[in-house]
Amino acid sequence: MTETPGLKRKHNKDGTYREYWEARADLAKRGYRPSSVRLHYPDTPEGRRQLAARCQILQAEMLSWATEGGKSKPGYDGTLKSLSRLFQMNDDSPFKTMKWNSRENVLKSLVIIERTVGDRQVGKLLGPDFKRWHTTWGLPKSAEKPPRPWRAKHAMDATRQLISYGVTLGFDDCFRADTILSKIRFKTPPARTSVMTADHVAAIRNAGHAEGYPSISLATALQFALTMRQKDVVGEWVPTNDKEEGGIAYKLTRWENGLLWSDIDEAFILRKAHTKTGFMVEHDLKLHPSVLEEIALVPPEKRVGPMIISEGTGVPYKNRKFTERWRKVADKAGIPKTVWNMDARAGAITEAYDLGATETDVMKSAGHKNRQTSARYNRGTIKQTSRVAMMRLEKRTENDD
């Protein structure tokens, strides 16, 4: 397994397995540490790529230690690459306390940084260097592809994190680079403007049933009607360890955070704590006909456990699989490519503002902790600007009288 050097698997009694990276036995005997690192990555194509990258980093550090004579663990040599390794390996690094999916996203950017500018000396960096990197990271993958502004933003955000961590370690060159970076503002990628409408939802629901995927119909209705994130409806598979019990598990992951049928009481009131904020929301499903219509199509004996189940597997959708299937159904429904599943939440919030809902009510419905967050989801439409214009016109007319 050349792409995953040092990878070992240890089987559990239930047939699943745990994955580890292990140092070469001879080097571990000579004192190399860590001699073993537990790996937590989902069994998805993206998860496997991240696991391979992690194994390669660990293997390179071990071989570097061996080349250096085994005197000390690789430290900081002034390069961004060495700073990146410390950021990933040190126990006091904020990287270690990130949520698993955030850590994976940051790791993607660290791979880009190490590959493209990892050999640069931090002490020699100037403002034009950072600006040039940002521009280069955002270039199209190929001539016929679009620019990648979000790739550039995330890589530069990770660069700032590396430099900031170097400051906490007392590296003088990182203090200097941090000061330079603090004076630079990079262009923010344009915010999304697409919204999902009630007509889009109706079309997706019809297509979902026609294609044999009622789970897509139900999930979309719930997301739009209740202004909920995909994660809070469909759930997610998070890395776990063999000591945890209960729930729905698959290999080294466990399903969490999605809607359960038990979240709905006898009066059809749904209560759910939003994953991101922990904010508890309540929705009276009797006021949402589209949701009631979809629920009515689910036999009562099947209303147990997770609400959204993949027709193909009989268990909750694996990470990314829901989005892939949703897109296929949306294409069948004639939904523009510019409208994504995540736009259901923005569409619901925009519709609420269009109808004159107060900021506080929108905030409560969306599970936000402040009104400013809800406002960011509001992709203002002609209804909102027209309502303001009419109010201003009526005021002027009143004054003229």
Protein backbone atom coordinates (compact mmCIF):
# COMPACT_ATOMS: atom_id res chain seq x y z
CA MET A 1 0.00 0.00 0.00
CA THR A 2 2.43 2.61 -1.26
CA GLU A 3 -0.14 5.40 -1.07
CA THR A 4 -0.69 4.68 2.63
CA PRO A 5 2.76 3.82 4.06
CA GLY A 6 2.68 2.46 7.59
CA LEU A 7 -1.09 1.81 7.53
CA LYS A 8 -2.18 -1.11 9.73
CA ARG A 9 -5.61 -2.52 10.41
CA LYS A 10 -6.68 -4.27 13.58
CA HIS A 11 -9.90 -6.26 13.46
CA ASN A 12 -12.65 -6.01 16.06
CA LYS A 13 -14.75 -8.93 17.25
CA ASP A 14 -17.81 -7.63 15.35
CA GLY A 15 -16.01 -7.79 12.01
CA THR A 16 -15.17 -4.09 11.78
CA TYR A 17 -11.62 -2.82 12.02
CA ARG A 18 -9.54 0.01 13.44
CA GLU A 19 -6.87 1.80 11.41
CA TYR A 20 -3.48 2.97 12.64
CA TRP A 21 -0.28 4.35 11.24
CA GLU A 22 2.67 2.50 12.77
CA ALA A 23 6.34 3.46 12.69
CA ARG A 24 8.88 0.97 11.43
CA ALA A 25 9.67 -1.49 14.21
CA ASP A 26 13.41 -0.84 14.09
CA LEU A 27 12.96 2.93 14.38
CA ALA A 28 10.38 2.61 17.15
CA LYS A 29 12.84 0.41 19.02
CA ARG A 30 15.46 3.14 18.60
CA GLY A 31 13.10 5.60 20.27
CA TYR A 32 11.02 7.21 17.50
CA ARG A 33 7.76 8.62 18.78
CA PRO A 34 4.90 8.44 18.13
CA SER A 35 5.30 4.78 17.35
CA SER A 36 1.58 4.43 16.58
CA VAL A 37 -1.14 6.93 15.61
CA ARG A 38 -4.85 6.07 15.56
CA LEU A 39 -6.49 7.24 12.31
CA HIS A 40 -10.12 8.37 12.13
CA TYR A 41 -11.30 8.89 8.57
CA PRO A 42 -14.63 7.92 6.96
CA ASP A 43 -14.74 5.14 4.41
CA THR A 44 -15.42 7.48 1.49
CA PRO A 45 -13.24 8.44 -1.49
CA GLU A 46 -12.47 11.77 0.17
CA GLY A 47 -11.84 10.09 3.52
CA ARG A 48 -9.43 7.65 1.93
CA ARG A 49 -7.53 10.50 0.26
CA GLN A 50 -7.20 12.29 3.57
CA LEU A 51 -6.05 9.09 5.26
CA ALA A 52 -3.40 8.57 2.56
CA ALA A 53 -2.15 12.16 2.97
CA ARG A 54 -1.91 11.70 6.73
CA CYS A 55 0.04 8.44 6.38
CA GLN A 56 2.46 10.06 3.95
CA ILE A 57 3.09 12.96 6.33
CA LEU A 58 3.70 10.64 9.29
CA GLN A 59 5.97 8.42 7.22
CA ALA A 60 8.01 11.38 5.95
CA GLU A 61 8.51 12.68 9.49
CA MET A 62 9.70 9.26 10.67
CA LEU A 63 12.17 8.90 7.77
CA SER A 64 13.42 12.45 8.33
CA TRP A 65 14.06 11.56 11.98
CA ALA A 66 15.98 8.48 10.88
CA THR A 67 18.05 10.50 8.39
CA GLU A 68 18.89 13.02 11.10
CA GLY A 69 20.36 10.20 13.15
CA GLY A 70 17.39 9.77 15.42
CA LYS A 71 18.55 12.53 17.74
CA SER A 72 15.32 14.45 17.94
CA LYS A 73 11.90 14.70 16.44
CA PRO A 74 11.75 17.02 13.40
CA GLY A 75 11.23 20.59 14.54
CA TYR A 76 10.98 24.03 13.00
CA ASP A 77 13.58 24.85 10.36
CA GLY A 78 12.06 28.15 9.26
CA THR A 79 10.02 26.73 6.37
CA LEU A 80 6.26 26.75 6.03
CA LYS A 81 6.34 22.97 5.61
CA SER A 82 8.02 22.42 8.97
CA LEU A 83 5.56 24.84 10.58
CA SER A 84 2.71 22.91 8.99
CA ARG A 85 4.01 19.64 10.45
CA LEU A 86 4.25 21.14 13.94
CA PHE A 87 0.73 22.51 13.53
CA GLN A 88 -0.54 19.02 12.69
CA MET A 89 1.50 17.04 15.24
CA ASN A 90 1.88 19.11 18.41
CA ASP A 91 -0.58 18.27 21.16
CA ASP A 92 -1.11 21.96 21.96
CA SER A 93 -2.02 22.85 18.37
CA PRO A 94 -5.55 24.10 17.65
CA PHE A 95 -5.56 21.57 14.82
CA LYS A 96 -5.99 18.79 17.41
CA THR A 97 -9.16 20.32 18.88
CA MET A 98 -10.96 21.03 15.61
CA LYS A 99 -14.09 19.08 14.78
CA TRP A 100 -13.26 16.17 12.45
CA ASN A 101 -14.78 17.71 9.31
CA SER A 102 -13.13 21.09 9.94
CA ARG A 103 -9.81 19.32 10.45
CA GLU A 104 -10.22 17.51 7.14
CA ASN A 105 -10.98 20.76 5.32
CA VAL A 106 -7.94 22.47 6.84
CA LEU A 107 -5.78 19.48 5.95
CA LYS A 108 -6.76 19.89 2.29
CA SER A 109 -5.38 23.43 2.38
CA LEU A 110 -2.24 22.34 4.23
CA VAL A 111 -1.54 19.82 1.48
CA ILE A 112 -1.81 22.65 -1.08
CA ILE A 113 0.47 24.90 0.97
CA GLU A 114 3.13 22.23 1.51
CA ARG A 115 3.10 21.22 -2.14
CA THR A 116 3.27 24.73 -3.62
CA VAL A 117 5.15 26.94 -1.11
CA GLY A 118 6.23 24.58 1.65
CA ASP A 119 9.95 25.21 1.09
CA ARG A 120 9.65 29.00 1.51
CA GLN A 121 11.38 30.53 4.53
CA VAL A 122 8.84 32.34 6.72
CA GLY A 123 11.42 34.96 7.68
CA LYS A 124 11.83 36.05 4.07
CA LEU A 125 8.17 36.43 3.16
CA LEU A 126 6.78 39.81 2.08
CA GLY A 127 3.32 41.12 1.25
CA PRO A 128 3.70 40.50 -2.51
CA ASP A 129 4.45 36.83 -1.78
CA PHE A 130 1.15 36.31 0.02
CA LYS A 131 -0.77 38.21 -2.65
CA ARG A 132 0.83 36.16 -5.41
CA TRP A 133 0.03 32.90 -3.62
CA HIS A 134 -3.60 33.94 -3.19
CA THR A 135 -3.87 34.70 -6.89
CA THR A 136 -2.17 31.45 -7.92
CA TRP A 137 -4.26 29.28 -5.61
CA GLY A 138 -7.43 30.75 -7.13
CA LEU A 139 -6.51 30.05 -10.76
CA PRO A 140 -8.65 27.59 -12.77
CA LYS A 141 -7.60 23.96 -12.66
CA SER A 142 -7.45 24.03 -16.44
CA ALA A 143 -8.17 26.49 -19.24
CA GLU A 144 -11.80 25.46 -19.66
CA LYS A 145 -12.53 25.44 -15.91
CA PRO A 146 -13.73 28.42 -13.80
CA PRO A 147 -11.55 30.25 -11.24
CA ARG A 148 -11.37 28.80 -7.72
CA PRO A 149 -11.76 31.76 -5.33
CA TRP A 150 -12.84 29.58 -2.40
CA ARG A 151 -9.78 27.37 -2.78
CA ALA A 152 -7.63 30.50 -2.57
CA LYS A 153 -9.53 31.81 0.47
CA HIS A 154 -9.31 28.55 2.40
CA ALA A 155 -5.59 28.11 1.63
CA MET A 156 -4.85 31.67 2.75
CA ASP A 157 -6.95 31.18 5.90
CA ALA A 158 -4.84 28.10 6.66
CA THR A 159 -1.67 30.12 6.04
CA ARG A 160 -2.83 32.65 8.62
CA GLN A 161 -3.49 29.81 11.07
CA LEU A 162 0.02 28.44 10.57
CA ILE A 163 1.65 31.82 11.09
CA SER A 164 -0.50 32.53 14.14
CA TYR A 165 0.45 29.18 15.65
CA GLY A 166 4.11 30.00 15.04
CA VAL A 167 3.57 33.22 17.00
CA THR A 168 2.27 31.22 19.97
CA LEU A 169 5.47 29.16 19.83
CA GLY A 170 7.54 32.33 20.02
CA PHE A 171 9.15 32.16 16.56
CA ASP A 172 10.40 35.65 15.69
CA ASP A 173 9.97 35.20 11.94
CA CYS A 174 6.31 34.29 12.52
CA PHE A 175 5.79 37.51 14.49
CA ARG A 176 7.13 39.41 11.47
CA ALA A 177 4.98 37.46 8.96
CA ASP A 178 1.91 37.85 11.17
CA THR A 179 2.37 41.64 11.19
CA ILE A 180 2.62 41.69 7.40
CA LEU A 181 -0.45 39.48 6.95
CA SER A 182 -2.46 41.68 9.30
CA LYS A 183 -2.04 44.58 6.86
CA ILE A 184 -3.34 42.63 3.84
CA ARG A 185 -6.97 42.20 2.87
CA PHE A 186 -7.81 39.69 0.19
CA LYS A 187 -10.88 39.90 -2.02
CA THR A 188 -13.70 37.87 -0.55
CA PRO A 189 -15.35 35.36 -2.90
CA PRO A 190 -18.79 36.51 -4.01
CA ALA A 191 -21.65 35.38 -1.82
CA ARG A 192 -24.16 32.97 -3.29
CA THR A 193 -27.28 34.60 -4.69
CA SER A 194 -29.26 31.52 -5.69
CA VAL A 195 -32.34 30.61 -3.68
CA MET A 196 -34.60 27.61 -3.69
CA THR A 197 -38.24 28.51 -4.15
CA ALA A 198 -41.48 26.77 -3.24
CA ASP A 199 -41.90 25.89 -6.94
CA HIS A 200 -38.44 24.27 -6.94
CA VAL A 201 -39.39 22.22 -3.89
CA ALA A 202 -42.64 21.06 -5.49
CA ALA A 203 -40.77 19.99 -8.63
CA ILE A 204 -38.13 18.11 -6.64
CA ARG A 205 -40.77 16.34 -4.57
CA ASN A 206 -42.55 15.16 -7.71
CA ALA A 207 -39.30 14.06 -9.36
CA GLY A 208 -38.14 12.29 -6.21
CA HIS A 209 -41.23 10.09 -6.18
CA ALA A 210 -41.11 9.53 -9.94
CA GLU A 211 -37.48 8.39 -9.71
CA GLY A 212 -38.12 6.12 -6.74
CA TYR A 213 -36.39 8.30 -4.14
CA PRO A 214 -39.09 9.49 -1.70
CA SER A 215 -36.32 10.17 0.83
CA ILE A 216 -35.17 13.08 -1.35
CA SER A 217 -38.73 14.42 -1.49
CA LEU A 218 -39.18 14.23 2.28
CA ALA A 219 -35.76 15.70 3.08
CA THR A 220 -36.20 18.65 0.72
CA ALA A 221 -39.66 19.40 2.10
CA LEU A 222 -38.29 19.36 5.66
CA GLN A 223 -35.27 21.52 4.81
CA PHE A 224 -37.33 24.19 3.06
CA ALA A 225 -40.37 24.21 5.34
CA LEU A 226 -38.37 24.21 8.58
CA THR A 227 -35.38 26.31 7.41
CA MET A 228 -33.01 23.52 8.43
CA ARG A 229 -29.50 22.67 7.32
CA GLN A 230 -28.97 19.46 5.38
CA LYS A 231 -26.91 18.07 8.27
CA ASP A 232 -29.76 18.62 10.74
CA VAL A 233 -32.21 16.75 8.53
CA VAL A 234 -30.12 14.03 6.86
CA GLY A 235 -27.46 13.66 9.57
CA GLU A 236 -23.79 12.83 9.13
CA TRP A 237 -21.34 9.98 9.71
CA VAL A 238 -18.63 11.03 12.14
CA PRO A 239 -15.40 9.22 13.03
CA THR A 240 -15.65 7.19 16.21
CA ASN A 241 -13.73 4.51 18.09
CA ASP A 242 -14.50 0.96 19.02
CA LYS A 243 -15.23 1.83 22.65
CA GLU A 244 -18.45 3.65 21.79
CA GLU A 245 -21.64 1.64 21.73
CA GLY A 246 -25.21 2.13 20.57
CA GLY A 247 -26.67 4.02 17.67
CA ILE A 248 -26.00 3.28 14.00
CA ALA A 249 -22.36 2.49 13.24
CA TYR A 250 -20.48 1.64 10.06
CA LYS A 251 -16.85 0.62 10.28
CA LEU A 252 -15.19 3.50 12.19
CA THR A 253 -18.04 5.99 11.80
CA ARG A 254 -21.32 6.59 13.59
CA TRP A 255 -24.46 8.33 12.33
CA GLU A 256 -25.42 11.44 14.28
CA ASN A 257 -27.33 14.74 14.22
CA GLY A 258 -30.12 13.92 11.74
CA LEU A 259 -33.86 14.01 12.36
CA LEU A 260 -35.47 11.07 14.14
CA TRP A 261 -39.10 10.12 13.97
CA SER A 262 -39.10 10.40 17.76
CA ASP A 263 -38.38 14.14 17.38
CA ILE A 264 -42.08 14.48 16.44
CA ASP A 265 -44.64 14.19 19.24
CA GLU A 266 -48.30 13.15 19.13
CA ALA A 267 -49.38 16.72 18.36
CA PHE A 268 -47.03 16.83 15.36
CA ILE A 269 -44.68 19.26 17.04
CA LEU A 270 -41.09 18.69 15.96
CA ARG A 271 -38.32 19.64 18.38
CA LYS A 272 -34.69 19.60 17.35
CA ALA A 273 -31.47 21.16 18.63
CA HIS A 274 -29.52 22.63 15.73
CA THR A 275 -26.14 20.93 15.43
CA LYS A 276 -24.12 24.07 14.76
CA THR A 277 -25.51 26.31 17.50
CA GLY A 278 -27.16 23.92 19.93
CA PHE A 279 -30.22 26.17 19.67
CA MET A 280 -33.46 24.25 20.27
CA VAL A 281 -36.26 24.97 17.78
CA GLU A 282 -39.88 23.85 17.69
CA HIS A 283 -42.01 23.55 14.56
CA ASP A 284 -45.72 22.81 14.33
CA LEU A 285 -45.83 20.45 11.37
CA LYS A 286 -49.59 20.96 11.05
CA LEU A 287 -48.70 24.35 9.55
CA HIS A 288 -46.54 22.76 6.86
CA PRO A 289 -48.76 20.86 4.40
CA SER A 290 -45.86 19.76 2.19
CA VAL A 291 -44.20 18.00 5.13
CA LEU A 292 -47.46 16.37 6.25
CA GLU A 293 -48.07 15.11 2.71
CA GLU A 294 -44.64 13.48 2.58
CA ILE A 295 -45.00 11.97 6.06
CA ALA A 296 -48.38 10.52 5.11
CA LEU A 297 -46.64 8.50 2.38
CA VAL A 298 -44.44 6.75 4.96
CA PRO A 299 -46.16 3.69 6.47
CA PRO A 300 -46.62 4.08 10.25
CA GLU A 301 -44.60 0.93 10.97
CA LYS A 302 -41.59 2.50 9.22
CA ARG A 303 -41.65 5.70 11.26
CA VAL A 304 -38.87 4.51 13.55
CA GLY A 305 -35.29 5.76 13.83
CA PRO A 306 -33.79 8.21 11.31
CA MET A 307 -36.36 9.98 9.13
CA ILE A 308 -34.19 10.07 6.01
CA ILE A 309 -33.09 6.62 4.85
CA SER A 310 -31.32 5.77 1.60
CA GLU A 311 -33.47 3.52 -0.55
CA GLY A 312 -30.35 1.74 -1.76
CA THR A 313 -28.84 0.81 1.59
CA GLY A 314 -31.68 0.93 4.10
CA VAL A 315 -29.58 3.16 6.40
CA PRO A 316 -28.94 6.92 6.52
CA TYR A 317 -27.10 8.35 3.54
CA LYS A 318 -23.31 8.24 3.75
CA ASN A 319 -21.50 11.59 3.65
CA ARG A 320 -21.85 13.26 0.22
CA LYS A 321 -24.12 10.54 -1.16
CA PHE A 322 -27.26 12.50 -0.33
CA THR A 323 -26.05 15.58 -2.20
CA GLU A 324 -25.10 13.46 -5.22
CA ARG A 325 -28.53 11.81 -5.38
CA TRP A 326 -30.32 15.09 -4.70
CA ARG A 327 -28.56 16.65 -7.70
CA LYS A 328 -29.67 13.79 -9.96
CA VAL A 329 -33.28 14.25 -8.85
CA ALA A 330 -33.01 18.03 -9.19
CA ASP A 331 -31.72 17.62 -12.75
CA LYS A 332 -34.73 15.43 -13.57
CA ALA A 333 -36.95 18.16 -12.08
CA GLY A 334 -35.37 20.82 -14.30
CA ILE A 335 -33.82 22.72 -11.40
CA PRO A 336 -30.98 25.04 -12.57
CA LYS A 337 -27.46 23.85 -11.80
CA THR A 338 -26.94 27.10 -9.91
CA VAL A 339 -29.48 26.01 -7.27
CA TRP A 340 -27.94 23.67 -4.71
CA ASN A 341 -29.48 21.65 -1.92
CA MET A 342 -27.95 24.02 0.64
CA ASP A 343 -29.98 26.85 -0.93
CA ALA A 344 -33.15 25.45 0.64
CA ARG A 345 -32.31 27.17 3.93
CA ALA A 346 -31.51 30.50 2.26
CA GLY A 347 -34.65 30.21 0.14
CA ALA A 348 -36.82 29.61 3.19
CA ILE A 349 -35.32 32.54 5.09
CA THR A 350 -35.61 34.85 2.07
CA GLU A 351 -39.26 33.84 1.62
CA ALA A 352 -39.93 34.67 5.28
CA TYR A 353 -38.40 38.13 4.88
CA ASP A 354 -40.34 38.63 1.63
CA LEU A 355 -43.57 38.00 3.53
CA GLY A 356 -42.67 40.55 6.20
CA ALA A 357 -41.60 38.25 9.05
CA THR A 358 -39.73 40.02 11.83
CA GLU A 359 -35.98 39.48 12.24
CA THR A 360 -36.52 37.92 15.66
CA ASP A 361 -39.06 35.41 14.34
CA VAL A 362 -36.80 34.46 11.43
CA MET A 363 -33.90 34.02 13.85
CA LYS A 364 -35.98 31.69 16.06
CA SER A 365 -37.23 29.66 13.12
CA ALA A 366 -33.76 29.19 11.63
CA GLY A 367 -32.14 28.31 14.96
CA HIS A 368 -29.72 31.25 14.86
CA LYS A 369 -28.37 32.91 17.99
CA ASN A 370 -28.48 36.42 16.55
CA ARG A 371 -30.38 38.35 13.89
CA GLN A 372 -27.24 39.25 11.97
CA THR A 373 -26.67 35.61 11.05
CA SER A 374 -30.22 35.26 9.74
CA ALA A 375 -29.80 38.45 7.73
CA ARG A 376 -26.79 36.96 5.94
CA TYR A 377 -29.02 34.18 4.62
CA ASN A 378 -31.50 36.74 3.28
CA ARG A 379 -30.91 36.94 -0.46
CA GLY A 380 -33.15 39.98 -0.77
CA THR A 381 -35.71 39.92 -3.59
CA ILE A 382 -37.80 42.46 -5.46
CA LYS A 383 -40.59 41.94 -2.94
CA GLN A 384 -38.46 43.33 -0.11
CA THR A 385 -37.12 46.33 -2.04
CA SER A 386 -40.60 47.07 -3.41
CA ARG A 387 -42.13 46.97 0.05
CA VAL A 388 -39.58 49.51 1.28
CA ALA A 389 -40.20 51.69 -1.78
CA MET A 390 -43.97 51.59 -1.22
CA MET A 391 -43.57 52.55 2.43
CA ARG A 392 -41.38 55.50 1.50
CA LEU A 393 -43.76 56.56 -1.26
CA GLU A 394 -46.77 56.35 1.05
CA LYS A 395 -44.94 58.50 3.63
CA ARG A 396 -44.11 61.19 1.06
CA THR A 397 -47.70 61.16 -0.24
CA GLU A 398 -48.98 61.52 3.31
CA ASN A 399 -46.70 64.50 3.89
CA ASP A 400 -47.83 66.14 0.61
CA ASP A 401 -51.42 65.95 1.81
